[in-house]
Amino acid sequence: MLTEGSSTYTILFSAASAVFYLLPVLLLISTAKRFEANTYIAALIGGALIYPDFVALMGDAGNGAMADFFGIPVVLMSYSSTVVPAILAGLAYSWLYKKLDDVVPENLKLVVPPLVSLVVMVPLTVIVIGPLAVYGGELVANVVNWAINAPGLLTGILVGGGWAVLVSFGIHWAVNPIMINNIVEVGFDYICPLTFACNFAVIGVALGVFLKARNKEVKSFSMTGVITIVLSAIIEPTLFGLLVNNKKLFVAQIIAGAVGGAFLGLMRVVTSAFVFGSVVTFPAFVNGDVMNFVNAMIGLAISTVVGAVLGYMFCEKDMELA
């Protein structure tokens, strides 16, 4: 609807793309926060990786251009939108920061840890961690996409049906960087659509419960869950409040997610962005292939309908919230 390159388009595109441009900074902050290191120093390390003067060192050569740091060869890389280099740099920095915090006297902690961290971590990242991580990330993305492409039906069943299990244990966060890396490296991802299948299976089961349950509290909770997932992709309240405590409903969701995921995997549906599965993130399925969007809608409809039918069948009329 907007002309590409217009000021309106550019402003909105900037809002959408800023997170990817700043990904190294955000990931370094997150990693440092997780391991209780100074997040401001972490942000500066990430900022150095995307600083315009550093990026300009590559010239027109792009990734693989050569420079040096006090005579040490440096393989230059573009770190904007990268995932693995920032995470590894964040881990290394967090370890270094803790060591410095243990040995540096209290009256020098405002100066020495930040100085040493920047002087050590920025060169270490651009000389060693960064290039290895970029090439490693590309390899991982290629291997994952090859594996997904080969057995699409099986992968769709496993991820579509098993994603809720991963979410219930919090393990799903370990897979998210792979999806982000795939988007960055190859421009699309096969895993993300399968997580949509899980979310819409939860929507379907919650709808089935809403239609059959007599308890007003259950009906209200299930419909609230539907609206929440449709608008924000947050399945945890419905998952833990409605499904985990009811084995039949949890199995219904797994089956529905697996069936919808099987279709999405078989049709090789992809997303062009890393998003969480909801109605408002449907544009992620839009690319040059119209059938990608059509097949995505069919697959998600399958998850929803199967989930609703099984949810209705397995729900007891007098069901109460645990």
C-alpha atoms as a PDB file:
ATOM      1  CA  MET A   1       0.000   0.000   0.000  1.00  0.00           C
ATOM      2  CA  LEU A   2       3.012   2.305   0.478  1.00  0.00           C
ATOM      3  CA  THR A   3       5.652   3.319  -2.036  1.00  0.00           C
ATOM      4  CA  GLU A   4       8.961   1.744  -1.135  1.00  0.00           C
ATOM      5  CA  GLY A   5      11.470   4.479  -0.363  1.00  0.00           C
ATOM      6  CA  SER A   6       8.865   7.055   0.635  1.00  0.00           C
ATOM      7  CA  SER A   7       9.323   8.799   3.968  1.00  0.00           C
ATOM      8  CA  THR A   8       6.283   7.071   5.483  1.00  0.00           C
ATOM      9  CA  TYR A   9       7.526   3.673   4.340  1.00  0.00           C
ATOM     10  CA  THR A  10      11.020   4.394   5.637  1.00  0.00           C
ATOM     11  CA  ILE A  11       9.769   5.457   9.069  1.00  0.00           C
ATOM     12  CA  LEU A  12       7.633   2.324   9.470  1.00  0.00           C
ATOM     13  CA  PHE A  13      10.317   0.073   7.984  1.00  0.00           C
ATOM     14  CA  SER A  14      12.852   1.538  10.414  1.00  0.00           C
ATOM     15  CA  ALA A  15      10.569   0.740  13.337  1.00  0.00           C
ATOM     16  CA  ALA A  16      10.243  -2.852  12.125  1.00  0.00           C
ATOM     17  CA  SER A  17      13.910  -3.387  11.265  1.00  0.00           C
ATOM     18  CA  ALA A  18      15.662  -1.613  14.145  1.00  0.00           C
ATOM     19  CA  VAL A  19      15.539  -4.720  16.318  1.00  0.00           C
ATOM     20  CA  PHE A  20      17.495  -6.723  13.735  1.00  0.00           C
ATOM     21  CA  TYR A  21      20.042  -3.976  13.148  1.00  0.00           C
ATOM     22  CA  LEU A  22      20.614  -3.689  16.901  1.00  0.00           C
ATOM     23  CA  LEU A  23      20.444  -7.435  17.538  1.00  0.00           C
ATOM     24  CA  PRO A  24      24.088  -7.723  18.718  1.00  0.00           C
ATOM     25  CA  VAL A  25      23.514  -4.959  21.265  1.00  0.00           C
ATOM     26  CA  LEU A  26      20.253  -6.459  22.530  1.00  0.00           C
ATOM     27  CA  LEU A  27      21.655  -9.979  22.757  1.00  0.00           C
ATOM     28  CA  LEU A  28      24.770  -8.838  24.567  1.00  0.00           C
ATOM     29  CA  ILE A  29      22.610  -6.950  27.060  1.00  0.00           C
ATOM     30  CA  SER A  30      20.396 -10.003  27.588  1.00  0.00           C
ATOM     31  CA  THR A  31      23.362 -12.332  28.025  1.00  0.00           C
ATOM     32  CA  ALA A  32      25.105  -9.972  30.437  1.00  0.00           C
ATOM     33  CA  LYS A  33      21.901  -9.556  32.447  1.00  0.00           C
ATOM     34  CA  ARG A  34      21.416 -13.320  32.607  1.00  0.00           C
ATOM     35  CA  PHE A  35      24.940 -13.837  33.975  1.00  0.00           C
ATOM     36  CA  GLU A  36      24.868 -10.743  36.197  1.00  0.00           C
ATOM     37  CA  ALA A  37      27.480  -8.685  34.356  1.00  0.00           C
ATOM     38  CA  ASN A  38      27.321  -4.958  33.627  1.00  0.00           C
ATOM     39  CA  THR A  39      24.724  -4.483  30.881  1.00  0.00           C
ATOM     40  CA  TYR A  40      25.968  -1.022  29.903  1.00  0.00           C
ATOM     41  CA  ILE A  41      29.434  -2.334  29.078  1.00  0.00           C
ATOM     42  CA  ALA A  42      27.812  -5.210  27.179  1.00  0.00           C
ATOM     43  CA  ALA A  43      25.825  -2.683  25.134  1.00  0.00           C
ATOM     44  CA  LEU A  44      29.019  -0.794  24.275  1.00  0.00           C
ATOM     45  CA  ILE A  45      30.715  -4.000  23.094  1.00  0.00           C
ATOM     46  CA  GLY A  46      27.734  -4.721  20.851  1.00  0.00           C
ATOM     47  CA  GLY A  47      27.641  -1.117  19.681  1.00  0.00           C
ATOM     48  CA  ALA A  48      31.297  -1.277  18.651  1.00  0.00           C
ATOM     49  CA  LEU A  49      30.488  -4.193  16.336  1.00  0.00           C
ATOM     50  CA  ILE A  50      27.979  -2.122  14.348  1.00  0.00           C
ATOM     51  CA  TYR A  51      29.676   1.275  14.663  1.00  0.00           C
ATOM     52  CA  PRO A  52      29.715   2.941  11.200  1.00  0.00           C
ATOM     53  CA  ASP A  53      33.494   3.531  11.136  1.00  0.00           C
ATOM     54  CA  PHE A  54      34.147  -0.134  11.925  1.00  0.00           C
ATOM     55  CA  VAL A  55      31.673  -1.273   9.260  1.00  0.00           C
ATOM     56  CA  ALA A  56      33.337   1.095   6.767  1.00  0.00           C
ATOM     57  CA  LEU A  57      36.609  -0.826   7.123  1.00  0.00           C
ATOM     58  CA  MET A  58      35.091  -3.554   4.922  1.00  0.00           C
ATOM     59  CA  GLY A  59      34.647  -1.141   2.039  1.00  0.00           C
ATOM     60  CA  ASP A  60      32.974  -2.847  -0.898  1.00  0.00           C
ATOM     61  CA  ALA A  61      34.519  -6.237  -0.137  1.00  0.00           C
ATOM     62  CA  GLY A  62      31.922  -7.262   2.454  1.00  0.00           C
ATOM     63  CA  ASN A  63      32.398 -10.249   4.753  1.00  0.00           C
ATOM     64  CA  GLY A  64      35.901 -11.630   4.578  1.00  0.00           C
ATOM     65  CA  ALA A  65      37.683  -8.314   3.999  1.00  0.00           C
ATOM     66  CA  MET A  66      41.012  -8.107   5.806  1.00  0.00           C
ATOM     67  CA  ALA A  67      42.330  -5.560   8.296  1.00  0.00           C
ATOM     68  CA  ASP A  68      44.745  -5.716  11.208  1.00  0.00           C
ATOM     69  CA  PHE A  69      44.898  -4.876  14.901  1.00  0.00           C
ATOM     70  CA  PHE A  70      48.460  -4.034  15.963  1.00  0.00           C
ATOM     71  CA  GLY A  71      49.633  -6.330  13.186  1.00  0.00           C
ATOM     72  CA  ILE A  72      47.222  -9.155  14.067  1.00  0.00           C
ATOM     73  CA  PRO A  73      45.104 -10.121  11.021  1.00  0.00           C
ATOM     74  CA  VAL A  74      41.390  -9.363  11.369  1.00  0.00           C
ATOM     75  CA  VAL A  75      38.767 -10.970   9.156  1.00  0.00           C
ATOM     76  CA  LEU A  76      36.075  -8.309   8.959  1.00  0.00           C
ATOM     77  CA  MET A  77      32.423  -9.240   9.211  1.00  0.00           C
ATOM     78  CA  SER A  78      29.114  -7.407   9.201  1.00  0.00           C
ATOM     79  CA  TYR A  79      27.688  -8.038  12.652  1.00  0.00           C
ATOM     80  CA  SER A  80      24.395  -6.211  12.263  1.00  0.00           C
ATOM     81  CA  SER A  81      21.529  -8.719  12.597  1.00  0.00           C
ATOM     82  CA  THR A  82      23.842 -11.522  13.728  1.00  0.00           C
ATOM     83  CA  VAL A  83      22.975 -13.827  16.614  1.00  0.00           C
ATOM     84  CA  VAL A  84      25.753 -16.264  17.456  1.00  0.00           C
ATOM     85  CA  PRO A  85      28.670 -13.761  17.653  1.00  0.00           C
ATOM     86  CA  ALA A  86      26.806 -11.598  20.174  1.00  0.00           C
ATOM     87  CA  ILE A  87      25.810 -14.528  22.371  1.00  0.00           C
ATOM     88  CA  LEU A  88      29.354 -15.932  22.457  1.00  0.00           C
ATOM     89  CA  ALA A  89      30.836 -12.487  23.037  1.00  0.00           C
ATOM     90  CA  GLY A  90      28.317 -11.968  25.838  1.00  0.00           C
ATOM     91  CA  LEU A  91      29.312 -15.236  27.494  1.00  0.00           C
ATOM     92  CA  ALA A  92      33.014 -14.411  27.256  1.00  0.00           C
ATOM     93  CA  TYR A  93      32.447 -10.879  28.543  1.00  0.00           C
ATOM     94  CA  SER A  94      30.343 -12.092  31.473  1.00  0.00           C
ATOM     95  CA  TRP A  95      33.108 -14.477  32.524  1.00  0.00           C
ATOM     96  CA  LEU A  96      35.744 -11.743  32.222  1.00  0.00           C
ATOM     97  CA  TYR A  97      33.632  -9.227  34.136  1.00  0.00           C
ATOM     98  CA  LYS A  98      33.126 -11.588  37.064  1.00  0.00           C
ATOM     99  CA  LYS A  99      36.857 -12.308  37.235  1.00  0.00           C
ATOM    100  CA  LEU A 100      37.620  -8.587  37.236  1.00  0.00           C
ATOM    101  CA  ASP A 101      34.953  -7.934  39.841  1.00  0.00           C
ATOM    102  CA  ASP A 102      36.614 -10.482  42.129  1.00  0.00           C
ATOM    103  CA  VAL A 103      40.160  -9.123  41.894  1.00  0.00           C
ATOM    104  CA  VAL A 104      39.794  -5.363  41.363  1.00  0.00           C
ATOM    105  CA  PRO A 105      39.728  -3.265  44.576  1.00  0.00           C
ATOM    106  CA  GLU A 106      36.404  -1.630  45.362  1.00  0.00           C
ATOM    107  CA  ASN A 107      37.684   1.916  44.816  1.00  0.00           C
ATOM    108  CA  LEU A 108      38.794   1.058  41.262  1.00  0.00           C
ATOM    109  CA  LYS A 109      35.711  -0.826  40.099  1.00  0.00           C
ATOM    110  CA  LEU A 110      34.183   2.200  38.396  1.00  0.00           C
ATOM    111  CA  VAL A 111      37.194   2.484  36.083  1.00  0.00           C
ATOM    112  CA  VAL A 112      39.123  -0.766  35.681  1.00  0.00           C
ATOM    113  CA  PRO A 113      36.412  -3.354  34.771  1.00  0.00           C
ATOM    114  CA  PRO A 114      34.818  -1.183  32.046  1.00  0.00           C
ATOM    115  CA  LEU A 115      38.218  -0.219  30.590  1.00  0.00           C
ATOM    116  CA  VAL A 116      39.641  -3.745  30.587  1.00  0.00           C
ATOM    117  CA  SER A 117      36.377  -5.242  29.337  1.00  0.00           C
ATOM    118  CA  LEU A 118      36.218  -2.943  26.306  1.00  0.00           C
ATOM    119  CA  VAL A 119      39.934  -3.140  25.500  1.00  0.00           C
ATOM    120  CA  VAL A 120      39.893  -6.937  25.688  1.00  0.00           C
ATOM    121  CA  MET A 121      36.452  -7.910  24.425  1.00  0.00           C
ATOM    122  CA  VAL A 122      36.082  -5.712  21.327  1.00  0.00           C
ATOM    123  CA  PRO A 123      39.390  -6.842  19.712  1.00  0.00           C
ATOM    124  CA  LEU A 124      38.844 -10.433  20.884  1.00  0.00           C
ATOM    125  CA  THR A 125      35.387 -10.459  19.313  1.00  0.00           C
ATOM    126  CA  VAL A 126      36.408  -9.028  15.946  1.00  0.00           C
ATOM    127  CA  ILE A 127      39.604 -11.128  15.741  1.00  0.00           C
ATOM    128  CA  VAL A 128      38.455 -14.517  17.039  1.00  0.00           C
ATOM    129  CA  ILE A 129      34.872 -14.857  18.278  1.00  0.00           C
ATOM    130  CA  GLY A 130      33.103 -12.955  15.527  1.00  0.00           C
ATOM    131  CA  PRO A 131      34.479 -14.616  12.374  1.00  0.00           C
ATOM    132  CA  LEU A 132      34.235 -18.109  13.871  1.00  0.00           C
ATOM    133  CA  ALA A 133      30.697 -17.462  15.055  1.00  0.00           C
ATOM    134  CA  VAL A 134      29.526 -15.946  11.749  1.00  0.00           C
ATOM    135  CA  TYR A 135      30.799 -18.890   9.722  1.00  0.00           C
ATOM    136  CA  GLY A 136      29.542 -21.289  12.370  1.00  0.00           C
ATOM    137  CA  GLY A 137      26.125 -19.623  12.368  1.00  0.00           C
ATOM    138  CA  GLU A 138      25.898 -19.919   8.601  1.00  0.00           C
ATOM    139  CA  LEU A 139      26.795 -23.604   8.849  1.00  0.00           C
ATOM    140  CA  VAL A 140      24.192 -24.243  11.566  1.00  0.00           C
ATOM    141  CA  ALA A 141      21.502 -22.423   9.568  1.00  0.00           C
ATOM    142  CA  ASN A 142      22.304 -24.421   6.445  1.00  0.00           C
ATOM    143  CA  VAL A 143      22.320 -27.729   8.332  1.00  0.00           C
ATOM    144  CA  VAL A 144      19.041 -26.986  10.120  1.00  0.00           C
ATOM    145  CA  ASN A 145      17.305 -25.917   6.927  1.00  0.00           C
ATOM    146  CA  TRP A 146      18.646 -28.955   5.082  1.00  0.00           C
ATOM    147  CA  ALA A 147      17.354 -31.229   7.833  1.00  0.00           C
ATOM    148  CA  ILE A 148      13.959 -29.531   7.810  1.00  0.00           C
ATOM    149  CA  ASN A 149      13.696 -29.597   4.024  1.00  0.00           C
ATOM    150  CA  ALA A 150      14.447 -33.302   3.834  1.00  0.00           C
ATOM    151  CA  PRO A 151      11.761 -34.711   6.151  1.00  0.00           C
ATOM    152  CA  GLY A 152       9.228 -31.856   6.113  1.00  0.00           C
ATOM    153  CA  LEU A 153       6.261 -34.023   7.114  1.00  0.00           C
ATOM    154  CA  LEU A 154       8.042 -35.621  10.063  1.00  0.00           C
ATOM    155  CA  THR A 155       9.515 -32.333  11.247  1.00  0.00           C
ATOM    156  CA  GLY A 156       6.097 -30.698  11.070  1.00  0.00           C
ATOM    157  CA  ILE A 157       4.612 -33.424  13.241  1.00  0.00           C
ATOM    158  CA  LEU A 158       7.410 -33.292  15.810  1.00  0.00           C
ATOM    159  CA  VAL A 159       7.664 -29.508  16.114  1.00  0.00           C
ATOM    160  CA  GLY A 160       3.968 -28.711  15.658  1.00  0.00           C
ATOM    161  CA  GLY A 161       2.970 -31.340  18.178  1.00  0.00           C
ATOM    162  CA  GLY A 162       5.887 -31.005  20.573  1.00  0.00           C
ATOM    163  CA  TRP A 163       6.287 -27.236  20.760  1.00  0.00           C
ATOM    164  CA  ALA A 164       3.796 -26.924  23.640  1.00  0.00           C
ATOM    165  CA  VAL A 165       5.837 -29.480  25.564  1.00  0.00           C
ATOM    166  CA  LEU A 166       8.968 -27.388  25.045  1.00  0.00           C
ATOM    167  CA  VAL A 167       7.086 -24.264  26.117  1.00  0.00           C
ATOM    168  CA  SER A 168       5.809 -25.959  29.260  1.00  0.00           C
ATOM    169  CA  PHE A 169       9.417 -26.636  30.297  1.00  0.00           C
ATOM    170  CA  GLY A 170      10.777 -23.324  29.016  1.00  0.00           C
ATOM    171  CA  ILE A 171      13.100 -25.134  26.596  1.00  0.00           C
ATOM    172  CA  HIS A 172      11.664 -23.393  23.529  1.00  0.00           C
ATOM    173  CA  TRP A 173      13.854 -20.334  24.147  1.00  0.00           C
ATOM    174  CA  ALA A 174      16.896 -22.399  23.142  1.00  0.00           C
ATOM    175  CA  VAL A 175      15.407 -22.877  19.644  1.00  0.00           C
ATOM    176  CA  ASN A 176      14.538 -19.222  19.034  1.00  0.00           C
ATOM    177  CA  PRO A 177      18.129 -18.164  18.191  1.00  0.00           C
ATOM    178  CA  ILE A 178      18.184 -20.808  15.427  1.00  0.00           C
ATOM    179  CA  MET A 179      15.043 -19.313  13.888  1.00  0.00           C
ATOM    180  CA  ILE A 180      16.455 -15.793  14.145  1.00  0.00           C
ATOM    181  CA  ASN A 181      19.726 -16.967  12.627  1.00  0.00           C
ATOM    182  CA  ASN A 182      17.889 -18.614   9.731  1.00  0.00           C
ATOM    183  CA  ILE A 183      16.028 -15.386   8.983  1.00  0.00           C
ATOM    184  CA  VAL A 184      19.278 -13.439   9.062  1.00  0.00           C
ATOM    185  CA  GLU A 185      21.381 -15.870   7.032  1.00  0.00           C
ATOM    186  CA  VAL A 186      18.958 -17.189   4.402  1.00  0.00           C
ATOM    187  CA  GLY A 187      15.997 -14.804   4.664  1.00  0.00           C
ATOM    188  CA  PHE A 188      13.370 -17.348   5.750  1.00  0.00           C
ATOM    189  CA  ASP A 189      12.700 -20.028   8.331  1.00  0.00           C
ATOM    190  CA  TYR A 190      10.833 -23.355   8.345  1.00  0.00           C
ATOM    191  CA  ILE A 191      10.574 -23.790  12.117  1.00  0.00           C
ATOM    192  CA  CYS A 192       8.614 -20.646  12.924  1.00  0.00           C
ATOM    193  CA  PRO A 193       5.460 -21.700  10.975  1.00  0.00           C
ATOM    194  CA  LEU A 194       5.378 -24.934  12.964  1.00  0.00           C
ATOM    195  CA  THR A 195       5.230 -22.952  16.206  1.00  0.00           C
ATOM    196  CA  PHE A 196       2.166 -21.214  14.731  1.00  0.00           C
ATOM    197  CA  ALA A 197       0.572 -24.663  14.408  1.00  0.00           C
ATOM    198  CA  CYS A 198       1.031 -25.166  18.144  1.00  0.00           C
ATOM    199  CA  ASN A 199      -0.472 -21.796  19.034  1.00  0.00           C
ATOM    200  CA  PHE A 200      -3.510 -22.262  16.823  1.00  0.00           C
ATOM    201  CA  ALA A 201      -4.016 -25.760  18.181  1.00  0.00           C
ATOM    202  CA  VAL A 202      -4.211 -24.172  21.637  1.00  0.00           C
ATOM    203  CA  ILE A 203      -6.734 -21.678  20.251  1.00  0.00           C
ATOM    204  CA  GLY A 204      -8.799 -24.548  18.851  1.00  0.00           C
ATOM    205  CA  VAL A 205      -8.804 -26.575  22.056  1.00  0.00           C
ATOM    206  CA  ALA A 206      -9.736 -23.488  24.083  1.00  0.00           C
ATOM    207  CA  LEU A 207     -12.618 -22.839  21.664  1.00  0.00           C
ATOM    208  CA  GLY A 208     -13.801 -26.421  22.070  1.00  0.00           C
ATOM    209  CA  VAL A 209     -13.747 -26.033  25.840  1.00  0.00           C
ATOM    210  CA  PHE A 210     -15.630 -22.739  25.608  1.00  0.00           C
ATOM    211  CA  LEU A 211     -18.360 -24.324  23.506  1.00  0.00           C
ATOM    212  CA  LYS A 212     -18.882 -27.345  25.758  1.00  0.00           C
ATOM    213  CA  ALA A 213     -18.067 -26.337  29.323  1.00  0.00           C
ATOM    214  CA  ARG A 214     -20.935 -25.144  31.522  1.00  0.00           C
ATOM    215  CA  ASN A 215     -18.820 -23.567  34.243  1.00  0.00           C
ATOM    216  CA  LYS A 216     -18.793 -19.805  33.660  1.00  0.00           C
ATOM    217  CA  GLU A 217     -15.282 -19.442  35.043  1.00  0.00           C
ATOM    218  CA  VAL A 218     -13.974 -22.085  32.627  1.00  0.00           C
ATOM    219  CA  LYS A 219     -15.803 -20.523  29.680  1.00  0.00           C
ATOM    220  CA  SER A 220     -14.484 -17.058  30.539  1.00  0.00           C
ATOM    221  CA  PHE A 221     -10.927 -18.319  31.025  1.00  0.00           C
ATOM    222  CA  SER A 222     -10.891 -20.280  27.766  1.00  0.00           C
ATOM    223  CA  MET A 223     -12.270 -17.390  25.695  1.00  0.00           C
ATOM    224  CA  THR A 224      -9.793 -14.996  27.302  1.00  0.00           C
ATOM    225  CA  GLY A 225      -7.063 -17.424  26.271  1.00  0.00           C
ATOM    226  CA  VAL A 226      -8.327 -17.444  22.686  1.00  0.00           C
ATOM    227  CA  ILE A 227      -8.337 -13.650  22.458  1.00  0.00           C
ATOM    228  CA  THR A 228      -4.923 -13.396  24.116  1.00  0.00           C
ATOM    229  CA  ILE A 229      -3.282 -15.822  21.688  1.00  0.00           C
ATOM    230  CA  VAL A 230      -5.014 -14.321  18.650  1.00  0.00           C
ATOM    231  CA  LEU A 231      -3.709 -10.864  19.498  1.00  0.00           C
ATOM    232  CA  SER A 232      -0.401 -11.519  21.266  1.00  0.00           C
ATOM    233  CA  ALA A 233       0.638 -15.167  20.682  1.00  0.00           C
ATOM    234  CA  ILE A 234       1.007 -15.724  24.437  1.00  0.00           C
ATOM    235  CA  ILE A 235      -0.068 -19.308  25.100  1.00  0.00           C
ATOM    236  CA  GLU A 236       1.365 -19.833  28.590  1.00  0.00           C
ATOM    237  CA  PRO A 237      -1.720 -18.733  30.597  1.00  0.00           C
ATOM    238  CA  THR A 238      -3.984 -21.078  28.624  1.00  0.00           C
ATOM    239  CA  LEU A 239      -1.366 -23.821  28.526  1.00  0.00           C
ATOM    240  CA  PHE A 240      -0.775 -23.881  32.279  1.00  0.00           C
ATOM    241  CA  GLY A 241      -4.242 -22.823  33.413  1.00  0.00           C
ATOM    242  CA  LEU A 242      -6.308 -25.064  31.158  1.00  0.00           C
ATOM    243  CA  LEU A 243      -4.300 -27.771  29.375  1.00  0.00           C
ATOM    244  CA  VAL A 244      -1.385 -28.950  31.498  1.00  0.00           C
ATOM    245  CA  ASN A 245      -3.705 -29.938  34.356  1.00  0.00           C
ATOM    246  CA  ASN A 246      -6.008 -31.840  31.991  1.00  0.00           C
ATOM    247  CA  LYS A 247      -4.139 -34.644  30.233  1.00  0.00           C
ATOM    248  CA  LYS A 248      -6.862 -35.244  27.643  1.00  0.00           C
ATOM    249  CA  LEU A 249      -6.935 -31.598  26.587  1.00  0.00           C
ATOM    250  CA  PHE A 250      -3.134 -31.449  26.508  1.00  0.00           C
ATOM    251  CA  VAL A 251      -3.059 -34.500  24.244  1.00  0.00           C
ATOM    252  CA  ALA A 252      -5.757 -32.892  22.074  1.00  0.00           C
ATOM    253  CA  GLN A 253      -3.545 -29.855  21.618  1.00  0.00           C
ATOM    254  CA  ILE A 254      -0.532 -32.007  20.750  1.00  0.00           C
ATOM    255  CA  ILE A 255      -2.515 -33.937  18.136  1.00  0.00           C
ATOM    256  CA  ALA A 256      -3.962 -30.771  16.605  1.00  0.00           C
ATOM    257  CA  GLY A 257      -0.548 -29.107  16.480  1.00  0.00           C
ATOM    258  CA  ALA A 258       0.997 -32.206  14.928  1.00  0.00           C
ATOM    259  CA  VAL A 259      -1.696 -32.459  12.215  1.00  0.00           C
ATOM    260  CA  GLY A 260      -1.454 -28.784  11.288  1.00  0.00           C
ATOM    261  CA  GLY A 261       2.329 -28.888  11.541  1.00  0.00           C
ATOM    262  CA  ALA A 262       2.436 -31.918   9.250  1.00  0.00           C
ATOM    263  CA  PHE A 263       0.633 -29.953   6.539  1.00  0.00           C
ATOM    264  CA  LEU A 264       2.841 -26.879   6.999  1.00  0.00           C
ATOM    265  CA  GLY A 265       5.970 -29.022   6.914  1.00  0.00           C
ATOM    266  CA  LEU A 266       4.814 -30.994   3.894  1.00  0.00           C
ATOM    267  CA  MET A 267       4.023 -27.808   1.967  1.00  0.00           C
ATOM    268  CA  ARG A 268       7.343 -26.250   3.073  1.00  0.00           C
ATOM    269  CA  VAL A 269       5.678 -23.131   4.457  1.00  0.00           C
ATOM    270  CA  VAL A 270       8.151 -20.477   5.623  1.00  0.00           C
ATOM    271  CA  THR A 271       8.121 -17.151   7.409  1.00  0.00           C
ATOM    272  CA  SER A 272      10.215 -14.203   6.300  1.00  0.00           C
ATOM    273  CA  ALA A 273      10.518 -12.854   9.852  1.00  0.00           C
ATOM    274  CA  PHE A 274      10.953 -14.201  13.356  1.00  0.00           C
ATOM    275  CA  VAL A 275       7.567 -13.713  15.004  1.00  0.00           C
ATOM    276  CA  PHE A 276       5.323 -15.406  17.537  1.00  0.00           C
ATOM    277  CA  GLY A 277       2.230 -17.123  16.195  1.00  0.00           C
ATOM    278  CA  SER A 278      -0.884 -14.937  16.226  1.00  0.00           C
ATOM    279  CA  VAL A 279      -3.294 -13.379  13.758  1.00  0.00           C
ATOM    280  CA  VAL A 280      -1.458 -10.059  13.799  1.00  0.00           C
ATOM    281  CA  THR A 281       1.778 -11.755  12.683  1.00  0.00           C
ATOM    282  CA  PHE A 282       0.264 -13.345   9.559  1.00  0.00           C
ATOM    283  CA  PRO A 283       2.223 -10.879   7.340  1.00  0.00           C
ATOM    284  CA  ALA A 284       5.340 -12.937   8.119  1.00  0.00           C
ATOM    285  CA  PHE A 285       3.985 -15.525   5.671  1.00  0.00           C
ATOM    286  CA  VAL A 286       3.894 -13.003   2.826  1.00  0.00           C
ATOM    287  CA  ASN A 287       6.692 -13.435   0.287  1.00  0.00           C
ATOM    288  CA  GLY A 288       7.033 -13.799  -3.458  1.00  0.00           C
ATOM    289  CA  ASP A 289       5.035 -17.046  -3.445  1.00  0.00           C
ATOM    290  CA  VAL A 290       1.297 -16.468  -2.933  1.00  0.00           C
ATOM    291  CA  MET A 291       0.784 -20.155  -2.128  1.00  0.00           C
ATOM    292  CA  ASN A 292       3.066 -19.841   0.883  1.00  0.00           C
ATOM    293  CA  PHE A 293       0.453 -17.592   2.526  1.00  0.00           C
ATOM    294  CA  VAL A 294      -2.455 -19.732   1.310  1.00  0.00           C
ATOM    295  CA  ASN A 295      -0.884 -22.954   2.603  1.00  0.00           C
ATOM    296  CA  ALA A 296      -0.083 -21.245   5.893  1.00  0.00           C
ATOM    297  CA  MET A 297      -3.732 -20.291   6.362  1.00  0.00           C
ATOM    298  CA  ILE A 298      -4.850 -23.823   5.477  1.00  0.00           C
ATOM    299  CA  GLY A 299      -2.390 -25.375   7.910  1.00  0.00           C
ATOM    300  CA  LEU A 300      -3.396 -23.067  10.746  1.00  0.00           C
ATOM    301  CA  ALA A 301      -7.087 -23.662   9.994  1.00  0.00           C
ATOM    302  CA  ILE A 302      -6.411 -27.408  10.274  1.00  0.00           C
ATOM    303  CA  SER A 303      -4.741 -26.945  13.670  1.00  0.00           C
ATOM    304  CA  THR A 304      -7.615 -24.779  14.898  1.00  0.00           C
ATOM    305  CA  VAL A 305     -10.443 -27.023  13.657  1.00  0.00           C
ATOM    306  CA  VAL A 306      -8.838 -30.274  14.832  1.00  0.00           C
ATOM    307  CA  GLY A 307      -8.084 -28.648  18.179  1.00  0.00           C
ATOM    308  CA  ALA A 308     -11.659 -27.387  18.525  1.00  0.00           C
ATOM    309  CA  VAL A 309     -13.166 -30.786  17.666  1.00  0.00           C
ATOM    310  CA  LEU A 310     -10.862 -32.707  20.008  1.00  0.00           C
ATOM    311  CA  GLY A 311     -11.205 -30.075  22.716  1.00  0.00           C
ATOM    312  CA  TYR A 312     -14.981 -30.354  22.515  1.00  0.00           C
ATOM    313  CA  MET A 313     -14.802 -34.164  22.589  1.00  0.00           C
ATOM    314  CA  PHE A 314     -12.372 -34.393  25.498  1.00  0.00           C
ATOM    315  CA  CYS A 315     -13.805 -31.585  27.612  1.00  0.00           C
ATOM    316  CA  GLU A 316     -16.167 -32.570  30.381  1.00  0.00           C
ATOM    317  CA  LYS A 317     -19.273 -30.408  30.703  1.00  0.00           C
ATOM    318  CA  ASP A 318     -18.787 -29.982  34.433  1.00  0.00           C
ATOM    319  CA  MET A 319     -15.058 -29.233  34.087  1.00  0.00           C
ATOM    320  CA  GLU A 320     -13.576 -26.806  36.588  1.00  0.00           C
ATOM    321  CA  LEU A 321     -10.289 -24.887  36.666  1.00  0.00           C
ATOM    322  CA  ALA A 322      -7.634 -26.531  38.817  1.00  0.00           C
END
